[in-house]
N, C-alpha and C. Protein backbone atom coordinates (compact mmCIF):
# COMPACT_ATOMS: atom_id res chain seq x y z
N MET A 1 -7.84 -38.50 -38.53
CA MET A 1 -7.82 -37.28 -38.79
C MET A 1 -7.52 -36.86 -39.71
N ALA A 2 -7.04 -37.94 -40.92
CA ALA A 2 -6.69 -37.49 -42.38
C ALA A 2 -7.87 -37.12 -43.14
N ALA A 3 -8.66 -37.95 -42.66
CA ALA A 3 -10.10 -38.18 -43.35
C ALA A 3 -10.89 -37.13 -43.35
N ARG A 4 -10.70 -36.25 -41.53
CA ARG A 4 -11.61 -35.13 -41.64
C ARG A 4 -10.93 -34.07 -42.36
N THR A 5 -9.71 -33.96 -42.37
CA THR A 5 -9.30 -32.59 -43.47
C THR A 5 -9.48 -32.81 -44.74
N GLU A 6 -9.71 -33.92 -45.24
CA GLU A 6 -9.95 -34.17 -46.78
C GLU A 6 -11.22 -33.71 -47.04
N LEU A 7 -12.41 -34.03 -45.97
CA LEU A 7 -13.88 -33.74 -46.64
C LEU A 7 -14.46 -32.33 -46.21
N ARG A 8 -13.72 -32.06 -45.24
CA ARG A 8 -14.07 -30.84 -44.73
C ARG A 8 -13.13 -29.51 -44.32
N PRO A 9 -12.14 -29.19 -45.59
CA PRO A 9 -10.67 -28.57 -45.71
C PRO A 9 -10.97 -27.15 -45.03
N VAL A 10 -10.04 -26.32 -44.40
CA VAL A 10 -9.98 -25.22 -44.01
C VAL A 10 -9.81 -24.18 -44.93
N VAL A 11 -10.85 -23.13 -45.17
CA VAL A 11 -10.79 -22.25 -46.32
C VAL A 11 -10.92 -20.95 -45.77
N LYS A 12 -9.91 -19.93 -46.62
CA LYS A 12 -10.06 -18.52 -46.16
C LYS A 12 -11.36 -17.59 -47.07
N LEU A 13 -11.87 -17.15 -46.44
CA LEU A 13 -13.05 -16.28 -46.70
C LEU A 13 -12.64 -14.73 -47.06
N ARG A 14 -12.08 -13.99 -48.15
CA ARG A 14 -11.57 -12.75 -48.28
C ARG A 14 -13.00 -12.08 -48.89
N SER A 15 -12.66 -10.95 -47.94
CA SER A 15 -13.81 -9.92 -48.37
C SER A 15 -13.84 -9.45 -49.70
N THR A 16 -14.99 -8.84 -50.43
CA THR A 16 -15.02 -8.54 -51.52
C THR A 16 -15.21 -6.89 -51.65
N ALA A 17 -15.03 -6.39 -50.40
CA ALA A 17 -14.95 -4.73 -50.08
C ALA A 17 -13.77 -4.33 -50.53
N GLY A 18 -12.71 -5.07 -50.66
CA GLY A 18 -11.58 -4.71 -50.97
C GLY A 18 -10.99 -3.83 -49.51
N THR A 19 -11.10 -4.66 -48.64
CA THR A 19 -10.59 -4.19 -47.10
C THR A 19 -9.40 -5.14 -46.73
N GLY A 20 -9.31 -6.50 -47.54
CA GLY A 20 -8.32 -7.60 -46.82
C GLY A 20 -8.75 -8.07 -45.75
N TYR A 21 -9.90 -7.83 -44.99
CA TYR A 21 -10.23 -8.80 -43.96
C TYR A 21 -10.57 -10.33 -44.22
N THR A 22 -10.46 -11.12 -43.54
CA THR A 22 -10.68 -12.33 -43.77
C THR A 22 -11.28 -13.57 -42.83
N TYR A 23 -12.02 -14.23 -42.84
CA TYR A 23 -12.71 -15.02 -41.94
C TYR A 23 -12.26 -16.76 -42.24
N VAL A 24 -12.01 -17.31 -41.28
CA VAL A 24 -11.23 -18.74 -41.35
C VAL A 24 -12.52 -19.65 -41.57
N THR A 25 -12.79 -20.30 -41.96
CA THR A 25 -13.85 -21.50 -41.48
C THR A 25 -13.98 -22.72 -42.48
N ARG A 26 -14.22 -24.37 -42.05
CA ARG A 26 -14.46 -25.29 -42.75
C ARG A 26 -15.57 -25.53 -43.68
N LYS A 27 -15.50 -25.95 -44.78
CA LYS A 27 -16.53 -26.22 -45.79
C LYS A 27 -16.55 -27.62 -46.43
N ASN A 28 -17.66 -28.08 -46.14
CA ASN A 28 -18.03 -29.64 -46.75
C ASN A 28 -17.49 -29.85 -48.06
N ARG A 29 -16.83 -30.27 -48.76
CA ARG A 29 -16.49 -30.53 -49.83
C ARG A 29 -17.78 -31.02 -51.03
N ARG A 30 -18.12 -31.89 -50.27
CA ARG A 30 -19.38 -32.85 -51.03
C ARG A 30 -20.56 -31.71 -51.21
N ASN A 31 -21.23 -31.30 -50.60
CA ASN A 31 -22.18 -29.98 -50.31
C ASN A 31 -21.71 -29.04 -51.22
N ASP A 32 -20.51 -28.48 -51.23
CA ASP A 32 -19.83 -27.02 -51.99
C ASP A 32 -18.63 -27.41 -52.84
N PRO A 33 -18.83 -28.13 -53.65
CA PRO A 33 -17.56 -28.22 -54.28
C PRO A 33 -17.29 -27.28 -55.06
N ASP A 34 -17.71 -25.97 -55.15
CA ASP A 34 -17.54 -25.11 -55.97
C ASP A 34 -17.03 -23.97 -54.88
N ARG A 35 -16.62 -23.03 -55.30
CA ARG A 35 -15.86 -21.62 -54.37
C ARG A 35 -17.24 -21.44 -53.89
N LEU A 36 -17.00 -20.84 -52.36
CA LEU A 36 -18.05 -20.64 -51.29
C LEU A 36 -17.99 -19.00 -51.34
N THR A 37 -19.45 -18.61 -51.12
CA THR A 37 -19.42 -17.34 -51.22
C THR A 37 -20.82 -17.08 -50.03
N LEU A 38 -20.10 -16.16 -48.98
CA LEU A 38 -21.02 -15.93 -47.91
C LEU A 38 -21.23 -14.22 -47.37
N LEU A 39 -22.35 -13.99 -47.10
CA LEU A 39 -22.68 -12.35 -46.53
C LEU A 39 -22.23 -12.48 -44.87
N LYS A 40 -21.26 -11.70 -44.74
CA LYS A 40 -20.68 -12.03 -43.11
C LYS A 40 -20.21 -10.38 -43.22
N TYR A 41 -20.11 -9.98 -41.81
CA TYR A 41 -19.54 -8.30 -41.23
C TYR A 41 -18.36 -8.51 -41.32
N ASP A 42 -18.01 -7.05 -42.00
CA ASP A 42 -16.37 -7.11 -42.49
C ASP A 42 -16.51 -5.70 -41.29
N PRO A 43 -15.59 -5.86 -40.30
CA PRO A 43 -15.33 -4.74 -39.44
C PRO A 43 -14.62 -3.06 -39.93
N VAL A 44 -13.95 -3.45 -40.93
CA VAL A 44 -13.20 -2.50 -41.43
C VAL A 44 -14.20 -1.42 -42.20
N ALA A 45 -15.11 -2.34 -43.22
CA ALA A 45 -15.75 -1.38 -43.64
C ALA A 45 -17.03 -0.94 -43.20
N ARG A 46 -17.32 -1.59 -41.81
CA ARG A 46 -18.56 -1.62 -41.14
C ARG A 46 -19.61 -1.59 -41.52
N ARG A 47 -19.90 -2.63 -42.20
CA ARG A 47 -21.13 -3.27 -42.91
C ARG A 47 -20.89 -4.53 -43.42
N HIS A 48 -22.08 -5.37 -43.77
CA HIS A 48 -22.19 -6.67 -44.28
C HIS A 48 -21.88 -6.70 -45.54
N VAL A 49 -20.88 -7.82 -45.97
CA VAL A 49 -20.66 -7.48 -47.70
C VAL A 49 -20.18 -9.04 -47.86
N ALA A 50 -20.44 -9.46 -49.03
CA ALA A 50 -19.94 -10.90 -49.59
C ALA A 50 -18.31 -11.41 -49.40
N PHE A 51 -18.16 -12.66 -48.62
CA PHE A 51 -17.09 -12.89 -48.40
C PHE A 51 -16.74 -13.71 -49.36
N ARG A 52 -15.92 -13.98 -50.11
CA ARG A 52 -15.78 -15.30 -51.26
C ARG A 52 -14.31 -15.94 -50.92
N GLU A 53 -14.72 -17.80 -50.93
CA GLU A 53 -13.54 -18.35 -50.67
C GLU A 53 -11.95 -18.21 -51.68
N GLU A 54 -11.17 -17.97 -51.30
CA GLU A 54 -9.83 -18.08 -51.75
C GLU A 54 -8.94 -19.09 -51.59
N ARG A 55 -8.33 -19.97 -52.47
CA ARG A 55 -7.43 -21.04 -52.49
C ARG A 55 -6.21 -20.48 -51.92
C-alpha cells in the first residue's frame, strides 16, 4: 500500500479562475514530475478553466 501512494500521490487541483473550487486526483510522479495543469469544468465560474496542482 505504501508503494502505491509514493508513485501516485493524491494531488489537489485548484481553479485558476479564483473561485476556490478544487478537484482531487492522483498523478503518476514518473510521467509528471512537475506541477500538473488540466483544463476542467469550474461549476462556480460555469466554464472550463485551467486547474493547477497545489501542494
